[in-house]
C-alpha cells in the first residue's frame, strides 16, 4: 500500500472519537459511520470506489484511507505483552 507511505492524512480532521456516538468508537468526522464498518467492507475485498458507490456515497477516498491509516497507527503504537507459557 504505497499510498500509506506517500500521503499525509491528518487523523484529527478525518477520524473522531465522541462518547456520544457509537459508544466512543472512532467514526469518520462529520458522519456517524464507524471506522470498523469501513474496515469490515475492506476485509471483504470491496474496493474503495465500490464502498463509496454502493454503501457510503457521502465519503471520499481520503476518508477511507484515513480509516486504514488510523488502524495502522493504532497497531503500530500498541504495546504487546507476551506471557511466558507455564510448564
N, C-alpha and C. Protein backbone atom coordinates (compact mmCIF):
# COMPACT_ATOMS: atom_id res chain seq x y z
N UNK A 1 0.83 -1.18 0.00
CA UNK A 1 0.00 0.00 0.00
C UNK A 1 0.88 1.25 0.00
N UNK A 2 1.41 1.59 -1.14
CA UNK A 2 2.32 2.73 -1.19
C UNK A 2 1.69 4.05 -0.80
N UNK A 3 0.40 4.22 -0.99
CA UNK A 3 -0.24 5.48 -0.63
C UNK A 3 -0.18 5.74 0.87
N UNK A 4 -0.04 4.68 1.68
CA UNK A 4 0.09 4.89 3.12
C UNK A 4 1.39 5.61 3.46
N UNK A 5 2.41 5.35 2.66
CA UNK A 5 3.71 5.97 2.92
C UNK A 5 3.80 7.35 2.29
N UNK A 6 3.14 7.56 1.17
CA UNK A 6 3.32 8.79 0.39
C UNK A 6 2.36 9.91 0.76
N UNK A 7 1.25 9.60 1.41
CA UNK A 7 0.27 10.63 1.73
C UNK A 7 0.26 10.92 3.22
N UNK A 8 0.11 12.17 3.55
CA UNK A 8 -0.05 12.55 4.95
C UNK A 8 -1.52 12.88 5.14
N UNK A 9 -2.18 12.11 5.98
CA UNK A 9 -3.60 12.33 6.27
C UNK A 9 -3.70 12.72 7.73
N UNK A 10 -4.25 13.86 8.01
CA UNK A 10 -4.40 14.30 9.38
C UNK A 10 -5.57 13.57 10.02
N UNK A 11 -5.27 12.72 10.98
CA UNK A 11 -6.30 11.91 11.61
C UNK A 11 -7.34 12.77 12.32
N UNK A 12 -6.91 13.86 12.94
CA UNK A 12 -7.85 14.70 13.66
C UNK A 12 -8.88 15.32 12.74
N UNK A 13 -8.56 15.46 11.47
CA UNK A 13 -9.51 16.02 10.51
C UNK A 13 -10.47 14.97 9.99
N UNK A 14 -10.06 13.74 9.94
CA UNK A 14 -10.85 12.68 9.30
C UNK A 14 -11.50 11.69 10.26
N UNK A 15 -10.86 11.42 11.39
CA UNK A 15 -11.37 10.43 12.33
C UNK A 15 -11.61 11.10 13.68
N UNK A 16 -12.79 10.88 14.24
CA UNK A 16 -13.12 11.47 15.53
C UNK A 16 -13.61 10.39 16.49
N UNK A 17 -13.45 10.67 17.76
CA UNK A 17 -13.97 9.79 18.81
C UNK A 17 -14.81 10.67 19.72
N UNK A 18 -16.07 10.30 19.86
CA UNK A 18 -17.01 11.07 20.68
C UNK A 18 -17.83 10.09 21.49
N UNK A 19 -17.79 10.22 22.79
CA UNK A 19 -18.51 9.30 23.67
C UNK A 19 -20.01 9.28 23.39
N UNK A 20 -20.54 10.31 22.74
CA UNK A 20 -21.97 10.39 22.46
C UNK A 20 -22.40 9.64 21.20
N UNK A 21 -21.44 9.18 20.42
CA UNK A 21 -21.76 8.46 19.18
C UNK A 21 -21.09 7.10 19.18
N UNK A 22 -21.87 6.07 18.94
CA UNK A 22 -21.37 4.70 18.84
C UNK A 22 -20.47 4.33 20.03
N UNK A 23 -20.88 4.75 21.21
CA UNK A 23 -20.20 4.38 22.46
C UNK A 23 -18.71 4.73 22.44
N UNK A 24 -18.38 5.81 21.77
CA UNK A 24 -16.99 6.26 21.75
C UNK A 24 -16.11 5.57 20.73
N UNK A 25 -16.69 4.79 19.85
CA UNK A 25 -15.91 4.13 18.79
C UNK A 25 -15.48 5.19 17.78
N UNK A 26 -14.30 5.03 17.17
CA UNK A 26 -13.86 6.00 16.18
C UNK A 26 -14.78 6.01 14.96
N UNK A 27 -15.12 7.22 14.51
CA UNK A 27 -16.00 7.40 13.36
C UNK A 27 -15.35 8.37 12.38
N UNK A 28 -15.83 8.35 11.16
CA UNK A 28 -15.37 9.30 10.18
C UNK A 28 -15.98 10.65 10.53
N UNK A 29 -15.13 11.67 10.59
CA UNK A 29 -15.56 13.00 11.01
C UNK A 29 -16.72 13.50 10.17
N UNK A 30 -17.69 14.12 10.85
CA UNK A 30 -18.85 14.68 10.18
C UNK A 30 -19.92 13.66 9.83
N UNK A 31 -19.68 12.41 10.22
CA UNK A 31 -20.66 11.34 9.97
C UNK A 31 -20.80 10.55 11.26
N UNK A 32 -21.67 9.59 11.23
CA UNK A 32 -21.76 8.64 12.33
C UNK A 32 -21.35 7.26 11.83
N UNK A 33 -20.46 7.25 10.86
CA UNK A 33 -20.01 5.99 10.26
C UNK A 33 -18.77 5.52 11.01
N UNK A 34 -18.89 4.37 11.71
CA UNK A 34 -17.73 3.86 12.44
C UNK A 34 -16.62 3.38 11.50
N UNK A 35 -15.40 3.61 11.91
CA UNK A 35 -14.24 3.13 11.17
C UNK A 35 -14.36 1.61 10.97
N UNK A 36 -14.84 0.92 11.96
CA UNK A 36 -14.99 -0.53 11.89
C UNK A 36 -15.84 -0.96 10.69
N UNK A 37 -16.91 -0.23 10.41
CA UNK A 37 -17.76 -0.59 9.27
C UNK A 37 -16.98 -0.57 7.97
N UNK A 38 -16.14 0.45 7.81
CA UNK A 38 -15.35 0.58 6.59
C UNK A 38 -14.32 -0.54 6.52
N UNK A 39 -13.67 -0.82 7.64
CA UNK A 39 -12.65 -1.88 7.65
C UNK A 39 -13.26 -3.25 7.35
N UNK A 40 -14.46 -3.49 7.81
CA UNK A 40 -15.12 -4.76 7.52
C UNK A 40 -15.40 -4.90 6.03
N UNK A 41 -15.78 -3.81 5.38
CA UNK A 41 -16.01 -3.85 3.93
C UNK A 41 -14.70 -4.10 3.19
N UNK A 42 -13.63 -3.45 3.63
CA UNK A 42 -12.32 -3.67 3.02
C UNK A 42 -11.89 -5.12 3.22
N UNK A 43 -12.14 -5.65 4.40
CA UNK A 43 -11.79 -7.04 4.70
C UNK A 43 -12.50 -8.00 3.75
N UNK A 44 -13.71 -7.64 3.35
CA UNK A 44 -14.48 -8.47 2.41
C UNK A 44 -13.98 -8.34 0.96
N UNK A 45 -12.99 -7.47 0.77
CA UNK A 45 -12.42 -7.32 -0.57
C UNK A 45 -13.12 -6.29 -1.43
N UNK A 46 -13.93 -5.47 -0.82
CA UNK A 46 -14.67 -4.44 -1.56
C UNK A 46 -13.75 -3.24 -1.78
N UNK A 47 -13.66 -2.78 -3.00
CA UNK A 47 -12.77 -1.67 -3.33
C UNK A 47 -13.27 -0.37 -2.72
N UNK A 48 -12.34 0.57 -2.58
CA UNK A 48 -12.70 1.87 -2.04
C UNK A 48 -13.80 2.52 -2.88
N UNK A 49 -13.63 2.46 -4.20
CA UNK A 49 -14.64 3.06 -5.08
C UNK A 49 -16.00 2.42 -4.90
N UNK A 50 -16.03 1.10 -4.74
CA UNK A 50 -17.29 0.38 -4.56
C UNK A 50 -17.93 0.71 -3.21
N UNK A 51 -17.10 0.90 -2.18
CA UNK A 51 -17.62 1.28 -0.86
C UNK A 51 -18.36 2.61 -0.98
N UNK A 52 -17.76 3.54 -1.71
CA UNK A 52 -18.40 4.85 -1.89
C UNK A 52 -19.64 4.72 -2.76
N UNK A 53 -19.53 4.00 -3.84
CA UNK A 53 -20.66 3.88 -4.79
C UNK A 53 -21.85 3.14 -4.19
N UNK A 54 -21.60 2.03 -3.49
CA UNK A 54 -22.69 1.16 -3.06
C UNK A 54 -23.11 1.30 -1.59
N UNK A 55 -22.22 1.84 -0.77
CA UNK A 55 -22.51 1.86 0.67
C UNK A 55 -22.55 3.26 1.28
N UNK A 56 -21.54 4.04 1.01
CA UNK A 56 -21.41 5.34 1.67
C UNK A 56 -21.04 6.43 0.66
N UNK A 57 -21.99 6.88 -0.13
CA UNK A 57 -21.69 7.88 -1.16
C UNK A 57 -21.23 9.23 -0.60
N UNK A 58 -21.45 9.46 0.67
CA UNK A 58 -21.03 10.72 1.28
C UNK A 58 -19.53 10.74 1.61
N UNK A 59 -18.87 9.59 1.52
CA UNK A 59 -17.45 9.52 1.84
C UNK A 59 -16.58 9.81 0.63
N UNK A 60 -15.32 10.08 0.92
CA UNK A 60 -14.32 10.27 -0.14
C UNK A 60 -13.26 9.17 0.01
N UNK A 61 -12.46 9.03 -1.01
CA UNK A 61 -11.35 8.08 -0.94
C UNK A 61 -10.45 8.42 0.25
N UNK A 62 -10.21 9.71 0.48
CA UNK A 62 -9.37 10.12 1.61
C UNK A 62 -9.97 9.71 2.95
N UNK A 63 -11.29 9.71 3.07
CA UNK A 63 -11.94 9.24 4.31
C UNK A 63 -11.62 7.76 4.54
N UNK A 64 -11.70 6.98 3.50
CA UNK A 64 -11.44 5.54 3.62
C UNK A 64 -9.96 5.29 3.90
N UNK A 65 -9.09 6.01 3.23
CA UNK A 65 -7.66 5.89 3.51
C UNK A 65 -7.36 6.26 4.96
N UNK A 66 -8.06 7.24 5.48
CA UNK A 66 -7.87 7.66 6.87
C UNK A 66 -8.25 6.53 7.83
N UNK A 67 -9.28 5.77 7.49
CA UNK A 67 -9.67 4.63 8.33
C UNK A 67 -8.54 3.60 8.40
N UNK A 68 -7.96 3.31 7.25
CA UNK A 68 -6.86 2.35 7.21
C UNK A 68 -5.66 2.90 7.97
N UNK A 69 -5.35 4.16 7.74
CA UNK A 69 -4.21 4.79 8.41
C UNK A 69 -4.41 4.81 9.93
N UNK A 70 -5.63 5.06 10.36
CA UNK A 70 -5.95 5.08 11.79
C UNK A 70 -5.59 3.74 12.43
N UNK A 71 -6.00 2.66 11.78
CA UNK A 71 -5.75 1.33 12.34
C UNK A 71 -4.26 0.98 12.26
N UNK A 72 -3.60 1.37 11.19
CA UNK A 72 -2.16 1.13 11.09
C UNK A 72 -1.45 1.82 12.25
N UNK A 73 -1.81 3.07 12.52
CA UNK A 73 -1.19 3.80 13.61
C UNK A 73 -1.55 3.19 14.97
N UNK A 74 -2.77 2.72 15.10
CA UNK A 74 -3.20 2.09 16.34
C UNK A 74 -2.38 0.84 16.63
N UNK A 75 -2.22 0.00 15.63
CA UNK A 75 -1.45 -1.23 15.79
C UNK A 75 0.03 -0.91 16.02
N UNK A 76 0.54 0.08 15.32
CA UNK A 76 1.95 0.45 15.47
C UNK A 76 2.25 0.95 16.88
N UNK A 77 1.29 1.57 17.52
CA UNK A 77 1.52 2.11 18.86
C UNK A 77 1.12 1.13 19.97
N UNK A 78 0.58 0.00 19.58
CA UNK A 78 0.11 -0.98 20.56
C UNK A 78 1.29 -1.65 21.28
N UNK A 79 1.17 -1.75 22.57
CA UNK A 79 2.17 -2.44 23.36
C UNK A 79 1.69 -3.87 23.58
N UNK A 80 2.48 -4.81 23.14
CA UNK A 80 2.11 -6.21 23.24
C UNK A 80 2.89 -6.84 24.40
N UNK A 81 2.15 -7.40 25.33
CA UNK A 81 2.76 -8.06 26.47
C UNK A 81 2.63 -9.57 26.28
N UNK A 82 3.75 -10.23 26.17
CA UNK A 82 3.75 -11.67 25.99
C UNK A 82 3.90 -12.35 27.34
N UNK A 83 3.13 -13.37 27.52
CA UNK A 83 3.18 -14.12 28.78
C UNK A 83 3.89 -15.42 28.51
N UNK A 84 4.85 -15.74 29.35
CA UNK A 84 5.57 -16.99 29.18
C UNK A 84 4.64 -18.16 29.52
N UNK A 85 4.78 -19.21 28.74
CA UNK A 85 3.98 -20.40 28.97
C UNK A 85 4.45 -21.09 30.26
N UNK A 86 3.50 -21.51 31.07
CA UNK A 86 3.85 -22.23 32.29
C UNK A 86 3.98 -23.71 31.98
N UNK A 87 4.91 -24.32 32.64
CA UNK A 87 5.16 -25.75 32.39
C UNK A 87 4.59 -26.58 33.50
